[in-house]
Amino acid sequence: MAFYTIAQVERVLGVKAHVIRYWEKEIPLIQPDKDDGGRKLYSGRDIQILLRLKHLLYERRFTLEGAKEELYRELSGDAQDLGGMISALKSQLLDLYFLLKKGK
């Protein structure tokens, strides 16, 4: 499984690191690991949650609390199998995106 730094996540989301850190505090679903140096490393799942959160906040105009409830509802819904397949595909697409970025 690939992990991404906060700088890489910033570029993917198009938001500043302090916003990502704030969302991370408010949404317990986002749980980055830490490397030996104490730097946070975000998984593909974390990035997917952040992308969905950004969509809910910026495009659908949810409040942070409303977006949090929606995320929990979506993750516990009946469409979990389909959601899992979509999540796996998104994770693979993120891996490909970063591989392509590295090659340039």
C-alpha atoms as a PDB file:
ATOM      1  CA  MET A   1       0.000   0.000   0.000  1.00  0.00           C
ATOM      2  CA  ALA A   2       1.324   3.401  -0.952  1.00  0.00           C
ATOM      3  CA  PHE A   3       1.591   6.301   1.461  1.00  0.00           C
ATOM      4  CA  TYR A   4       1.731   9.998   0.637  1.00  0.00           C
ATOM      5  CA  THR A   5       3.216  13.028   2.373  1.00  0.00           C
ATOM      6  CA  ILE A   6       1.126  16.023   3.309  1.00  0.00           C
ATOM      7  CA  ALA A   7       2.760  17.996   0.466  1.00  0.00           C
ATOM      8  CA  GLN A   8       1.543  15.400  -2.044  1.00  0.00           C
ATOM      9  CA  VAL A   9      -1.928  15.421  -0.486  1.00  0.00           C
ATOM     10  CA  GLU A  10      -1.940  19.244  -0.699  1.00  0.00           C
ATOM     11  CA  ARG A  11      -1.307  19.043  -4.443  1.00  0.00           C
ATOM     12  CA  VAL A  12      -4.008  16.429  -5.010  1.00  0.00           C
ATOM     13  CA  LEU A  13      -6.649  18.257  -2.968  1.00  0.00           C
ATOM     14  CA  GLY A  14      -5.678  21.801  -3.847  1.00  0.00           C
ATOM     15  CA  VAL A  15      -5.953  22.942  -0.222  1.00  0.00           C
ATOM     16  CA  LYS A  16      -3.308  24.082   2.265  1.00  0.00           C
ATOM     17  CA  ALA A  17      -1.706  21.735   4.787  1.00  0.00           C
ATOM     18  CA  HIS A  18      -3.269  23.532   7.759  1.00  0.00           C
ATOM     19  CA  VAL A  19      -6.732  22.819   6.322  1.00  0.00           C
ATOM     20  CA  ILE A  20      -5.871  19.130   5.942  1.00  0.00           C
ATOM     21  CA  ARG A  21      -4.596  19.022   9.527  1.00  0.00           C
ATOM     22  CA  TYR A  22      -7.784  20.701  10.793  1.00  0.00           C
ATOM     23  CA  TRP A  23     -10.005  18.252   8.902  1.00  0.00           C
ATOM     24  CA  GLU A  24      -7.921  15.410  10.294  1.00  0.00           C
ATOM     25  CA  LYS A  25      -8.624  16.602  13.857  1.00  0.00           C
ATOM     26  CA  GLU A  26     -12.347  16.975  13.203  1.00  0.00           C
ATOM     27  CA  ILE A  27     -12.909  13.762  11.231  1.00  0.00           C
ATOM     28  CA  PRO A  28     -11.578  10.691  13.092  1.00  0.00           C
ATOM     29  CA  LEU A  29     -11.941   8.603   9.919  1.00  0.00           C
ATOM     30  CA  ILE A  30      -8.744  10.250   8.642  1.00  0.00           C
ATOM     31  CA  GLN A  31      -5.891   8.469  10.383  1.00  0.00           C
ATOM     32  CA  PRO A  32      -2.466   9.061   8.839  1.00  0.00           C
ATOM     33  CA  ASP A  33       0.424   6.925  10.013  1.00  0.00           C
ATOM     34  CA  LYS A  34       3.733   8.392  11.089  1.00  0.00           C
ATOM     35  CA  ASP A  35       7.150   7.441   9.785  1.00  0.00           C
ATOM     36  CA  ASP A  36      10.250   7.051  11.942  1.00  0.00           C
ATOM     37  CA  GLY A  37      10.863  10.798  11.713  1.00  0.00           C
ATOM     38  CA  GLY A  38       7.373  11.624  12.959  1.00  0.00           C
ATOM     39  CA  ARG A  39       6.085  12.847   9.569  1.00  0.00           C
ATOM     40  CA  LYS A  40       2.506  11.990   8.730  1.00  0.00           C
ATOM     41  CA  LEU A  41       1.895   9.595   5.870  1.00  0.00           C
ATOM     42  CA  TYR A  42      -1.562   9.421   4.331  1.00  0.00           C
ATOM     43  CA  SER A  43      -2.974   6.243   2.817  1.00  0.00           C
ATOM     44  CA  GLY A  44      -5.053   6.090  -0.341  1.00  0.00           C
ATOM     45  CA  ARG A  45      -8.125   5.630   1.885  1.00  0.00           C
ATOM     46  CA  ASP A  46      -7.263   8.820   3.787  1.00  0.00           C
ATOM     47  CA  ILE A  47      -6.983  10.723   0.505  1.00  0.00           C
ATOM     48  CA  GLN A  48     -10.316   9.343  -0.707  1.00  0.00           C
ATOM     49  CA  ILE A  49     -12.009  10.495   2.482  1.00  0.00           C
ATOM     50  CA  LEU A  50     -10.361  13.911   2.169  1.00  0.00           C
ATOM     51  CA  LEU A  51     -11.453  14.223  -1.469  1.00  0.00           C
ATOM     52  CA  ARG A  52     -15.021  13.308  -0.547  1.00  0.00           C
ATOM     53  CA  LEU A  53     -14.939  15.730   2.383  1.00  0.00           C
ATOM     54  CA  LYS A  54     -13.701  18.527   0.133  1.00  0.00           C
ATOM     55  CA  HIS A  55     -16.499  17.785  -2.341  1.00  0.00           C
ATOM     56  CA  LEU A  56     -19.126  17.853   0.410  1.00  0.00           C
ATOM     57  CA  LEU A  57     -17.781  21.114   1.865  1.00  0.00           C
ATOM     58  CA  TYR A  58     -16.876  23.104  -1.240  1.00  0.00           C
ATOM     59  CA  GLU A  59     -19.305  21.876  -3.889  1.00  0.00           C
ATOM     60  CA  ARG A  60     -22.315  20.579  -1.971  1.00  0.00           C
ATOM     61  CA  ARG A  61     -21.957  23.341   0.684  1.00  0.00           C
ATOM     62  CA  PHE A  62     -22.284  21.095   3.726  1.00  0.00           C
ATOM     63  CA  THR A  63     -21.164  22.351   7.113  1.00  0.00           C
ATOM     64  CA  LEU A  64     -18.223  20.425   8.556  1.00  0.00           C
ATOM     65  CA  GLU A  65     -20.570  18.669  11.001  1.00  0.00           C
ATOM     66  CA  GLY A  66     -23.016  17.822   8.208  1.00  0.00           C
ATOM     67  CA  ALA A  67     -20.205  16.534   5.992  1.00  0.00           C
ATOM     68  CA  LYS A  68     -18.920  14.402   8.874  1.00  0.00           C
ATOM     69  CA  GLU A  69     -22.377  12.849   9.339  1.00  0.00           C
ATOM     70  CA  GLU A  70     -22.666  12.234   5.598  1.00  0.00           C
ATOM     71  CA  LEU A  71     -19.265  10.512   5.500  1.00  0.00           C
ATOM     72  CA  TYR A  72     -20.249   8.219   8.366  1.00  0.00           C
ATOM     73  CA  ARG A  73     -23.587   7.488   6.697  1.00  0.00           C
ATOM     74  CA  GLU A  74     -21.892   6.651   3.395  1.00  0.00           C
ATOM     75  CA  LEU A  75     -19.301   4.408   5.014  1.00  0.00           C
ATOM     76  CA  SER A  76     -21.878   2.460   6.997  1.00  0.00           C
ATOM     77  CA  GLY A  77     -24.438   2.232   4.182  1.00  0.00           C
ATOM     78  CA  ASP A  78     -25.690  -0.825   2.309  1.00  0.00           C
ATOM     79  CA  ALA A  79     -23.561   0.054  -0.706  1.00  0.00           C
ATOM     80  CA  GLN A  80     -20.420  -1.017   1.171  1.00  0.00           C
ATOM     81  CA  ASP A  81     -19.457  -3.708  -1.398  1.00  0.00           C
ATOM     82  CA  LEU A  82     -19.792  -1.302  -4.305  1.00  0.00           C
ATOM     83  CA  GLY A  83     -18.096   1.384  -2.240  1.00  0.00           C
ATOM     84  CA  GLY A  84     -15.212  -0.971  -1.511  1.00  0.00           C
ATOM     85  CA  MET A  85     -14.724  -1.672  -5.190  1.00  0.00           C
ATOM     86  CA  ILE A  86     -14.817   2.035  -5.995  1.00  0.00           C
ATOM     87  CA  SER A  87     -12.375   2.756  -3.175  1.00  0.00           C
ATOM     88  CA  ALA A  88      -9.939   0.158  -4.508  1.00  0.00           C
ATOM     89  CA  LEU A  89     -10.133   1.683  -7.992  1.00  0.00           C
ATOM     90  CA  LYS A  90      -9.592   5.197  -6.634  1.00  0.00           C
ATOM     91  CA  SER A  91      -6.596   4.013  -4.658  1.00  0.00           C
ATOM     92  CA  GLN A  92      -5.093   2.448  -7.765  1.00  0.00           C
ATOM     93  CA  LEU A  93      -5.713   5.654  -9.726  1.00  0.00           C
ATOM     94  CA  LEU A  94      -3.944   7.679  -7.038  1.00  0.00           C
ATOM     95  CA  ASP A  95      -0.969   5.310  -7.178  1.00  0.00           C
ATOM     96  CA  LEU A  96      -0.821   5.723 -10.956  1.00  0.00           C
ATOM     97  CA  TYR A  97      -1.133   9.502 -10.662  1.00  0.00           C
ATOM     98  CA  PHE A  98       1.866   9.712  -8.336  1.00  0.00           C
ATOM     99  CA  LEU A  99       3.880   7.300 -10.488  1.00  0.00           C
ATOM    100  CA  LEU A 100       3.247   9.525 -13.494  1.00  0.00           C
ATOM    101  CA  LYS A 101       4.138  12.660 -11.521  1.00  0.00           C
ATOM    102  CA  LYS A 102       7.405  11.030 -10.434  1.00  0.00           C
ATOM    103  CA  GLY A 103       8.322  10.213 -14.031  1.00  0.00           C
ATOM    104  CA  LYS A 104       8.106  13.841 -15.183  1.00  0.00           C
END
